N, C-alpha and C. Protein backbone atom coordinates (compact mmCIF):
# COMPACT_ATOMS: atom_id res chain seq x y z
N MET A 1 0.80 -1.20 0.06
CA MET A 1 -0.13 0.04 -0.11
C MET A 1 0.64 1.17 0.37
N MET A 2 0.65 2.06 -0.86
CA MET A 2 1.12 3.58 -1.14
C MET A 2 0.25 4.49 -0.35
N THR A 3 0.84 5.61 0.07
CA THR A 3 0.04 6.72 0.29
C THR A 3 0.80 7.98 0.01
N ASN A 4 0.30 9.14 0.63
CA ASN A 4 1.41 10.56 0.35
C ASN A 4 1.30 10.93 1.45
N LYS A 5 1.01 10.33 2.44
CA LYS A 5 1.07 11.00 3.78
C LYS A 5 0.07 10.50 4.98
N PRO A 6 0.49 10.26 6.18
CA PRO A 6 -0.27 9.53 7.14
C PRO A 6 -1.72 9.58 7.05
N GLY A 7 -2.35 8.37 7.15
CA GLY A 7 -3.90 8.82 7.06
C GLY A 7 -4.57 9.21 5.89
N GLY A 8 -3.42 9.32 4.25
CA GLY A 8 -3.85 9.84 3.00
C GLY A 8 -4.33 9.11 2.55
N VAL A 9 -4.66 9.47 1.10
CA VAL A 9 -4.92 8.27 0.03
C VAL A 9 -4.17 7.20 -0.02
N LEU A 10 -4.64 6.28 -0.65
CA LEU A 10 -3.86 4.72 -0.13
C LEU A 10 -4.25 4.21 -1.82
N TYR A 11 -3.13 3.40 -2.00
CA TYR A 11 -3.21 2.56 -3.67
C TYR A 11 -2.70 1.51 -3.14
N ILE A 12 -3.46 0.32 -3.82
CA ILE A 12 -3.23 -1.20 -3.50
C ILE A 12 -2.61 -1.85 -4.63
N GLY A 13 -1.93 -1.97 -4.64
CA GLY A 13 -1.37 -3.06 -5.91
C GLY A 13 -0.13 -4.07 -5.92
N VAL A 14 -0.55 -4.73 -6.83
CA VAL A 14 0.75 -6.21 -6.76
C VAL A 14 1.81 -6.07 -7.89
N THR A 15 2.80 -6.33 -7.61
CA THR A 15 4.13 -6.45 -8.26
C THR A 15 4.57 -7.41 -8.09
N ALA A 16 5.52 -8.07 -8.89
CA ALA A 16 6.51 -9.38 -8.89
C ALA A 16 8.15 -8.57 -8.47
N ASP A 17 8.21 -7.21 -8.46
CA ASP A 17 9.50 -6.65 -8.37
C ASP A 17 9.04 -5.52 -7.41
N LEU A 18 8.94 -5.39 -6.15
CA LEU A 18 8.60 -4.41 -5.19
C LEU A 18 9.50 -3.29 -5.26
N ILE A 19 10.90 -3.41 -5.58
CA ILE A 19 11.72 -2.36 -5.53
C ILE A 19 11.80 -1.67 -6.88
N ARG A 20 11.54 -2.17 -7.86
CA ARG A 20 11.41 -1.87 -8.90
C ARG A 20 10.31 -0.66 -9.68
N ARG A 21 8.84 -1.50 -8.95
CA ARG A 21 7.80 -0.76 -9.19
C ARG A 21 7.84 0.42 -8.19
N THR A 22 8.26 0.40 -7.06
CA THR A 22 8.23 1.30 -5.94
C THR A 22 8.57 2.49 -6.54
N SER A 23 10.20 2.38 -6.94
CA SER A 23 11.11 3.20 -7.58
C SER A 23 10.52 4.04 -8.84
N GLN A 24 9.60 3.07 -9.51
CA GLN A 24 8.95 3.73 -11.18
C GLN A 24 8.13 4.87 -10.39
N HIS A 25 7.47 4.49 -9.46
CA HIS A 25 6.12 5.05 -8.85
C HIS A 25 6.84 6.54 -8.30
N ARG A 26 7.72 6.65 -7.62
CA ARG A 26 8.81 7.49 -6.80
C ARG A 26 9.22 8.32 -7.77
N ALA A 27 9.42 7.75 -9.05
CA ALA A 27 10.40 8.40 -9.92
C ALA A 27 9.28 9.30 -11.05
N GLY A 28 8.39 9.08 -10.66
CA GLY A 28 6.85 9.56 -11.57
C GLY A 28 6.64 8.93 -12.75
N GLU A 29 7.31 7.79 -13.22
CA GLU A 29 7.48 7.12 -14.53
C GLU A 29 6.31 6.27 -14.86
N ILE A 30 5.25 6.08 -13.68
CA ILE A 30 3.95 5.58 -13.89
C ILE A 30 2.97 6.60 -13.75
N GLU A 31 2.10 6.39 -15.02
CA GLU A 31 1.06 7.40 -15.17
C GLU A 31 -0.05 7.28 -14.47
N GLY A 32 -0.86 7.56 -14.05
CA GLY A 32 -2.22 7.34 -13.41
C GLY A 32 -2.02 7.71 -11.96
N PHE A 33 -3.25 7.02 -11.36
CA PHE A 33 -3.97 7.22 -9.87
C PHE A 33 -2.22 7.80 -8.80
N THR A 34 -1.26 6.71 -9.30
CA THR A 34 -0.34 7.18 -8.06
C THR A 34 0.69 8.52 -8.30
N GLN A 35 0.58 8.83 -9.75
CA GLN A 35 0.93 10.07 -10.09
C GLN A 35 0.10 11.32 -9.75
N ARG A 36 -1.30 10.97 -10.12
CA ARG A 36 -2.19 12.29 -10.03
C ARG A 36 -2.11 12.48 -8.61
N TYR A 37 -1.97 11.79 -7.46
CA TYR A 37 -2.09 11.68 -6.07
C TYR A 37 -0.76 11.69 -5.25
N ARG A 38 0.14 11.81 -5.93
CA ARG A 38 1.41 11.71 -5.47
C ARG A 38 1.59 10.76 -4.19
N LEU A 39 1.25 9.38 -4.91
CA LEU A 39 1.56 8.53 -3.70
C LEU A 39 2.80 7.62 -3.65
N TYR A 40 4.08 7.81 -3.11
CA TYR A 40 4.97 7.54 -3.38
C TYR A 40 5.60 6.73 -2.17
N GLN A 41 4.79 6.80 -0.90
CA GLN A 41 5.42 6.34 0.15
C GLN A 41 4.81 5.21 0.33
N PRO A 42 5.90 3.74 0.65
CA PRO A 42 5.25 2.47 0.46
C PRO A 42 5.15 2.69 2.11
N VAL A 43 3.45 2.26 2.83
CA VAL A 43 3.69 2.04 3.99
C VAL A 43 3.26 0.69 4.81
N TYR A 44 2.51 -0.21 3.80
CA TYR A 44 2.52 -1.74 4.47
C TYR A 44 2.93 -2.10 2.72
N PHE A 45 3.70 -3.90 2.92
CA PHE A 45 3.20 -4.69 1.71
C PHE A 45 3.55 -6.29 2.77
N GLU A 46 3.03 -7.05 1.73
CA GLU A 46 3.22 -8.32 1.99
C GLU A 46 3.97 -9.17 0.91
N ARG A 47 4.93 -10.26 1.19
CA ARG A 47 5.40 -10.76 0.03
C ARG A 47 4.87 -12.14 0.10
N HIS A 48 4.34 -12.34 -1.27
CA HIS A 48 4.32 -13.82 -1.27
C HIS A 48 4.51 -14.88 -2.31
N ASP A 49 5.36 -16.09 -2.16
CA ASP A 49 5.59 -16.47 -3.32
C ASP A 49 5.11 -17.03 -3.93
N ASP A 50 3.61 -17.23 -4.38
CA ASP A 50 2.83 -17.27 -5.41
C ASP A 50 2.07 -15.86 -5.88
N ILE A 51 2.47 -15.54 -7.06
CA ILE A 51 1.44 -14.19 -7.73
C ILE A 51 0.24 -14.61 -7.97
N ARG A 52 -0.05 -15.41 -7.74
CA ARG A 52 -2.01 -15.95 -7.53
C ARG A 52 -2.35 -15.58 -6.55
N ASP A 53 -1.63 -15.85 -5.58
CA ASP A 53 -2.04 -15.73 -3.80
C ASP A 53 -1.98 -13.90 -3.87
N ALA A 54 -0.82 -13.36 -4.23
CA ALA A 54 -1.01 -12.05 -4.17
C ALA A 54 -2.08 -11.07 -4.78
N ILE A 55 -2.29 -11.76 -6.11
CA ILE A 55 -3.20 -11.01 -6.60
C ILE A 55 -4.50 -11.47 -6.09
N LEU A 56 -4.87 -12.38 -5.00
CA LEU A 56 -5.86 -12.56 -4.36
C LEU A 56 -5.92 -11.49 -3.03
N ARG A 57 -4.85 -11.58 -2.41
CA ARG A 57 -5.13 -10.72 -1.64
C ARG A 57 -5.07 -9.04 -1.78
N GLU A 58 -4.62 -8.89 -3.09
CA GLU A 58 -4.87 -7.69 -3.46
C GLU A 58 -6.06 -7.16 -3.49
N LYS A 59 -6.73 -8.12 -4.39
CA LYS A 59 -8.30 -8.10 -4.68
C LYS A 59 -9.45 -7.74 -3.24
N THR A 60 -9.05 -8.66 -2.38
CA THR A 60 -9.48 -8.73 -1.16
C THR A 60 -9.30 -7.12 -0.36
N LEU A 61 -8.07 -7.13 -0.47
CA LEU A 61 -7.67 -5.74 0.35
C LEU A 61 -8.45 -4.88 -0.06
N LYS A 62 -8.69 -4.73 -1.49
CA LYS A 62 -9.51 -3.51 -2.31
C LYS A 62 -11.00 -3.44 -1.52
N LYS A 63 -11.51 -4.59 -1.36
CA LYS A 63 -13.01 -4.64 -0.85
C LYS A 63 -13.02 -4.14 0.81
N TRP A 64 -11.65 -3.84 1.06
CA TRP A 64 -11.91 -3.53 2.78
C TRP A 64 -11.98 -2.41 2.67
N ASN A 65 -13.15 -1.98 3.70
CA ASN A 65 -13.45 -0.68 4.19
C ASN A 65 -11.89 0.17 4.46
N ARG A 66 -11.97 1.26 4.74
CA ARG A 66 -10.76 2.35 4.89
C ARG A 66 -10.12 1.88 6.17
N ALA A 67 -11.29 2.19 7.32
CA ALA A 67 -10.87 1.49 8.91
C ALA A 67 -10.02 0.41 8.85
N TRP A 68 -10.14 -0.63 8.15
CA TRP A 68 -9.59 -2.00 8.35
C TRP A 68 -8.34 -1.63 7.64
N LYS A 69 -8.62 -0.96 6.43
CA LYS A 69 -6.85 -0.86 5.75
C LYS A 69 -6.02 -0.18 6.78
N ASP A 70 -6.55 1.08 7.31
CA ASP A 70 -5.72 1.89 8.09
C ASP A 70 -4.99 0.91 9.99
N GLU A 71 -6.03 0.34 9.67
CA GLU A 71 -5.76 -0.84 11.21
C GLU A 71 -4.26 -1.55 10.67
N LEU A 72 -4.76 -2.54 9.84
CA LEU A 72 -3.72 -3.19 9.17
C LEU A 72 -2.34 -2.59 9.18
N ILE A 73 -2.03 -1.29 8.40
CA ILE A 73 -0.68 -0.80 8.17
C ILE A 73 -0.53 -0.04 10.07
N THR A 74 -1.35 0.13 10.36
CA THR A 74 -0.69 0.63 12.21
C THR A 74 -0.50 -0.11 12.87
N THR A 75 -1.10 -1.53 12.73
CA THR A 75 -0.52 -2.70 13.30
C THR A 75 0.70 -3.09 13.11
N THR A 76 1.51 -2.78 11.47
CA THR A 76 3.00 -3.15 11.58
C THR A 76 3.84 -1.87 11.14
N ASN A 77 3.06 -0.66 11.24
CA ASN A 77 3.73 0.49 10.77
C ASN A 77 2.95 1.54 11.56
N PRO A 78 2.77 1.88 12.91
CA PRO A 78 1.83 2.79 13.59
C PRO A 78 2.15 4.07 13.59
N ALA A 79 3.72 4.72 13.09
CA ALA A 79 3.65 6.19 12.48
C ALA A 79 3.38 6.21 10.86
N TRP A 80 3.33 5.08 10.47
CA TRP A 80 2.94 5.35 8.86
C TRP A 80 4.25 6.07 8.34
N ASN A 81 5.06 5.29 8.38
CA ASN A 81 6.63 5.61 8.01
C ASN A 81 6.65 5.02 6.11
N ASP A 82 7.70 5.92 6.00
CA ASP A 82 8.13 5.51 4.59
C ASP A 82 8.85 4.54 4.45
N LEU A 83 8.33 3.15 3.83
CA LEU A 83 9.12 2.08 4.41
C LEU A 83 9.92 1.98 2.97
N TYR A 84 10.32 2.87 2.30
CA TYR A 84 11.00 2.61 0.93
C TYR A 84 12.63 2.21 1.13
N ALA A 85 12.93 2.89 1.93
CA ALA A 85 14.51 2.25 2.32
C ALA A 85 14.62 0.93 2.86
N GLY A 86 13.60 0.63 3.73
CA GLY A 86 13.41 -1.05 4.02
C GLY A 86 13.27 -2.06 3.16
N ILE A 87 12.88 -1.89 1.99
CA ILE A 87 12.74 -2.94 0.84
C ILE A 87 13.83 -3.17 0.06
N LEU A 88 14.53 -1.59 0.13
CA LEU A 88 15.78 -1.62 -0.83
C LEU A 88 16.92 -2.69 -0.63
C-alpha cells in the first residue's frame, strides 16, 4: 500500500518486483492514480511466494473498508513511516 501522507489517499497494487515498481512510482514514471495523487510512500506490503496468492490478497484488500486498511497498516507501521529504505 502506498500513500502520500499518514492517513492520506491509499493505493493498493501487486507486483513481482517491489523495489523496481516502487522506484518507478517514486520517479513519476507510471502515469495514473499514483502519479495524480503523488502516492510515493510505501507504508505496508506483504510478500507472497505465488503471484496468484498476491493477486487474490490485493483484490481482497481493495474490498475492505478504510478503517480496516488503516488498522492493518497501523498494526505493523504505527507512524505510517515511508518503508522505501527498508525494501531496498
